[in-house]
Protein backbone atom coordinates (compact mmCIF):
# COMPACT_ATOMS: atom_id res chain seq x y z
CA MET A 1 91.51 -178.04 -102.45
CA PRO A 2 91.06 -181.69 -102.86
CA LEU A 3 88.09 -183.71 -102.06
CA ARG A 4 87.08 -184.89 -98.66
CA LYS A 5 87.79 -188.55 -98.01
CA GLY A 6 84.91 -190.77 -99.35
CA GLU A 7 83.22 -187.79 -101.50
CA GLU A 8 84.63 -189.07 -104.70
CA PHE A 9 83.34 -192.29 -103.91
CA LEU A 10 79.70 -190.84 -103.16
CA ILE A 11 79.67 -188.54 -106.32
CA ASP A 12 80.35 -191.78 -108.08
CA ARG A 13 77.50 -193.45 -106.46
CA THR A 14 75.40 -190.96 -107.03
CA LEU A 15 76.22 -190.72 -110.99
CA GLN A 16 75.51 -194.44 -110.85
CA GLY A 17 72.10 -193.73 -109.67
CA SER A 18 72.29 -193.92 -105.79
CA THR A 19 70.25 -191.28 -104.59
CA ASP A 20 70.92 -192.16 -100.82
CA SER A 21 74.72 -191.57 -101.78
CA PHE A 22 74.10 -187.96 -102.78
CA GLY A 23 72.03 -187.30 -99.27
CA ASP A 24 75.21 -188.73 -97.74
CA LEU A 25 77.27 -186.48 -99.57
CA VAL A 26 75.68 -183.28 -99.02
CA GLN A 27 74.48 -183.75 -95.03
CA PRO A 28 77.81 -182.28 -93.68
CA TYR A 29 77.13 -178.90 -95.85
CA LEU A 30 73.22 -178.46 -94.89
CA THR A 31 73.32 -176.69 -91.77
CA SER A 32 75.93 -174.12 -93.00
CA LEU A 33 73.94 -173.55 -96.11
CA ASN A 34 70.78 -173.06 -94.47
CA ARG A 35 72.53 -171.12 -92.04
CA PHE A 36 73.84 -168.94 -95.29
CA ALA A 37 70.53 -168.44 -97.08
CA ARG A 38 68.88 -167.69 -93.97
CA ILE A 39 70.81 -165.15 -93.22
CA ARG A 40 71.31 -163.72 -96.70
CA LEU A 41 67.41 -164.02 -97.35
CA GLN A 42 66.06 -163.43 -93.59
CA SER A 43 63.52 -165.61 -94.32
CA GLU A 44 62.79 -169.04 -93.05
CA ALA A 45 60.72 -170.50 -95.92
CA GLU A 46 62.65 -168.46 -98.66
CA ALA A 47 65.95 -170.14 -96.97
CA GLU A 48 64.65 -173.39 -97.28
CA ASP A 49 63.24 -173.10 -101.04
CA VAL A 50 66.84 -171.66 -102.26
CA VAL A 51 68.71 -174.57 -100.45
CA GLN A 52 66.44 -177.34 -101.85
CA GLN A 53 66.72 -175.69 -105.01
CA ALA A 54 70.32 -175.75 -104.79
CA LEU A 55 70.74 -179.39 -104.12
CA LEU A 56 68.34 -180.07 -106.76
CA ARG A 57 70.46 -178.02 -109.19
CA ALA A 58 73.67 -179.67 -107.60
CA PHE A 59 71.98 -183.10 -108.18
CA SER A 60 71.03 -182.90 -111.63
CA ASN A 61 74.63 -181.14 -112.61
CA LEU A 62 76.39 -183.44 -110.77
CA GLY A 63 78.00 -184.84 -113.76
CA GLN A 64 79.42 -181.51 -114.63
CA PHE A 65 81.36 -181.20 -111.38
CA ARG A 66 85.19 -181.16 -112.29
CA ARG A 67 86.44 -182.34 -109.05
CA GLU A 68 89.04 -179.09 -109.38
CA ALA A 69 87.79 -177.40 -106.06
CA SER A 70 86.11 -178.95 -103.08
CA PHE A 71 82.38 -180.36 -103.31
CA GLY A 72 81.84 -178.01 -100.36
CA THR A 73 82.77 -175.15 -102.67
CA TRP A 74 81.01 -176.16 -105.51
CA LEU A 75 77.70 -176.59 -103.69
CA SER A 76 78.03 -173.26 -101.99
CA ALA A 77 78.82 -171.89 -105.24
CA ILE A 78 75.23 -172.88 -106.30
CA ALA A 79 73.56 -171.76 -103.49
CA VAL A 80 75.34 -168.18 -103.73
CA ARG A 81 74.07 -168.13 -107.40
CA GLU A 82 70.75 -169.21 -106.36
CA VAL A 83 70.23 -166.63 -103.39
CA SER A 84 71.50 -164.31 -105.91
CA GLN A 85 68.76 -164.93 -108.53
CA LEU A 86 65.61 -165.03 -105.95
CA ARG A 87 67.15 -161.52 -104.99
CA ARG A 88 67.36 -160.08 -108.37
CA ALA A 89 63.57 -161.67 -109.14
CA GLN A 90 62.44 -160.06 -105.79
CA ALA A 91 63.97 -156.56 -106.79
CA ALA A 92 62.69 -156.75 -110.08
CA ALA A 93 59.07 -157.30 -108.88
CA SER A 94 60.07 -154.75 -106.32
CA VAL A 95 58.42 -157.32 -103.48
CA ARG A 96 60.27 -157.35 -99.92
CA PRO A 97 59.66 -160.22 -97.91
CA LEU A 98 58.59 -159.67 -94.42
CA GLN A 99 61.52 -159.88 -91.78
CA ASP A 100 61.00 -163.21 -90.78
CA THR A 101 64.32 -163.79 -88.33
CA HIS A 102 64.04 -166.96 -86.52
CA ALA A 103 67.10 -168.17 -84.05
CA ALA A 104 64.89 -170.59 -82.60
CA SER A 105 66.79 -173.00 -84.63
CA LEU A 106 69.95 -172.09 -82.72
CA ASP A 107 68.94 -172.85 -79.52
CA ASP A 108 69.83 -175.52 -77.17
CA PRO A 109 66.71 -176.75 -75.49
CA SER A 110 68.41 -177.71 -72.69
CA SER A 111 69.40 -174.16 -71.25
CA SER A 112 67.67 -172.12 -69.33
CA PRO A 113 64.73 -169.53 -70.40
CA TYR A 114 67.04 -166.49 -69.60
CA ALA A 115 69.97 -168.00 -71.72
CA LEU A 116 67.49 -168.94 -74.57
CA PHE A 117 66.40 -165.05 -74.51
CA GLN A 118 70.17 -163.71 -74.74
CA GLN A 119 71.25 -166.23 -77.33
CA ARG A 120 67.92 -165.08 -79.28
CA GLU A 121 68.80 -161.50 -78.35
CA ARG A 122 72.30 -161.90 -79.52
CA THR A 123 71.20 -163.40 -82.92
CA GLU A 124 69.13 -161.11 -83.48
CA LEU A 125 71.06 -158.15 -83.08
CA LEU A 126 73.85 -159.96 -85.38
CA TYR A 127 71.36 -160.27 -88.26
CA HIS A 128 70.51 -156.92 -88.27
CA ALA A 129 73.90 -155.76 -88.16
CA LEU A 130 74.68 -158.33 -91.15
CA ALA A 131 71.58 -156.79 -93.10
CA ARG A 132 72.77 -153.11 -92.62
CA ILE A 133 76.63 -154.00 -93.92
CA PRO A 134 77.25 -153.49 -97.70
CA GLU A 135 76.43 -156.62 -100.04
CA LYS A 136 79.99 -157.74 -100.92
CA TYR A 137 80.98 -157.43 -97.10
CA ARG A 138 77.95 -159.63 -96.19
CA THR A 139 78.96 -161.96 -98.72
CA MET A 140 82.38 -162.56 -97.35
CA ILE A 141 81.36 -162.82 -93.82
CA HIS A 142 78.65 -165.36 -95.22
CA LEU A 143 81.49 -167.40 -96.83
CA ARG A 144 84.42 -166.97 -94.26
CA ASP A 145 82.49 -167.06 -91.13
CA LEU A 146 79.68 -168.99 -91.66
CA LEU A 147 80.29 -171.53 -94.42
CA GLU A 148 83.53 -171.82 -93.33
CA LEU A 149 85.44 -171.57 -96.61
CA SER A 150 88.85 -171.17 -97.43
CA VAL A 151 90.77 -167.43 -98.49
CA GLU A 152 91.56 -170.09 -101.77
CA GLU A 153 88.07 -171.13 -101.86
CA THR A 154 86.42 -167.75 -101.24
CA GLY A 155 88.72 -166.10 -104.13
CA LEU A 156 87.69 -168.85 -106.33
CA LEU A 157 84.23 -167.99 -106.04
CA LEU A 158 84.42 -164.06 -106.05
CA SER A 159 87.42 -164.38 -108.72
CA LEU A 160 89.13 -162.14 -106.39
CA THR A 161 93.03 -162.25 -105.21
CA LEU A 162 94.11 -163.79 -102.38
CA PRO A 163 94.82 -160.53 -100.99
CA ALA A 164 91.81 -158.81 -101.66
CA VAL A 165 90.17 -161.65 -100.14
CA ARG A 166 91.89 -161.03 -96.97
CA THR A 167 91.58 -157.39 -96.95
CA ARG A 168 87.61 -157.55 -97.73
CA HIS A 169 86.92 -160.13 -94.61
CA HIS A 170 88.91 -157.85 -92.59
CA ARG A 171 86.85 -154.80 -93.70
CA ALA A 172 84.02 -156.92 -93.21
CA ARG A 173 84.59 -157.69 -89.82
CA LYS A 174 85.89 -154.55 -88.83
CA LEU A 175 82.54 -152.97 -90.16
CA LEU A 176 80.07 -155.36 -88.35
CA ILE A 177 82.16 -155.00 -84.91
CA HIS A 178 81.46 -151.56 -85.42
CA LEU A 179 77.80 -151.71 -85.97
CA LEU A 180 77.74 -154.33 -82.85
CA ALA A 181 79.35 -151.76 -80.44
CA LYS A 182 76.45 -148.84 -81.77
CA VAL A 183 74.01 -151.26 -80.05
């Protein structure tokens, strides 16, 4: 997938030393990266740390970006690796973070208290259902539905064929719907 309009310019400006250009470059992806990390790690603080680390890694390695895939795919791949590294480190240390699921950032402040409560409840149910499905399906939901990557981008990122991406995504959604129906 080619670069988005203007990304090439912002990448070149960043490589020439304009840090403001890097901010403009990553801005469209921050919400989805934060959401992805928050769901995967189930901790707001860890999610923020991982996103910051991914952005620092992207900034320091921008010269190595080959521009064969979209910048969003490249940035998402970095975030996926950062999440995986943190989870491996946690598993090695046998330390589990406290479940710290905050759906407040998804709330519309103009909504009624009842609507806000319902939204929080639905979000928590979704987080718990996501936490119960196998990792390979959870990753597929994150990449395809939350980060909104294409089938091709997901296949490149996970080294899967396009039919395998479609099948795994279908199975992931089916499993998630099944878990949510039990609640």
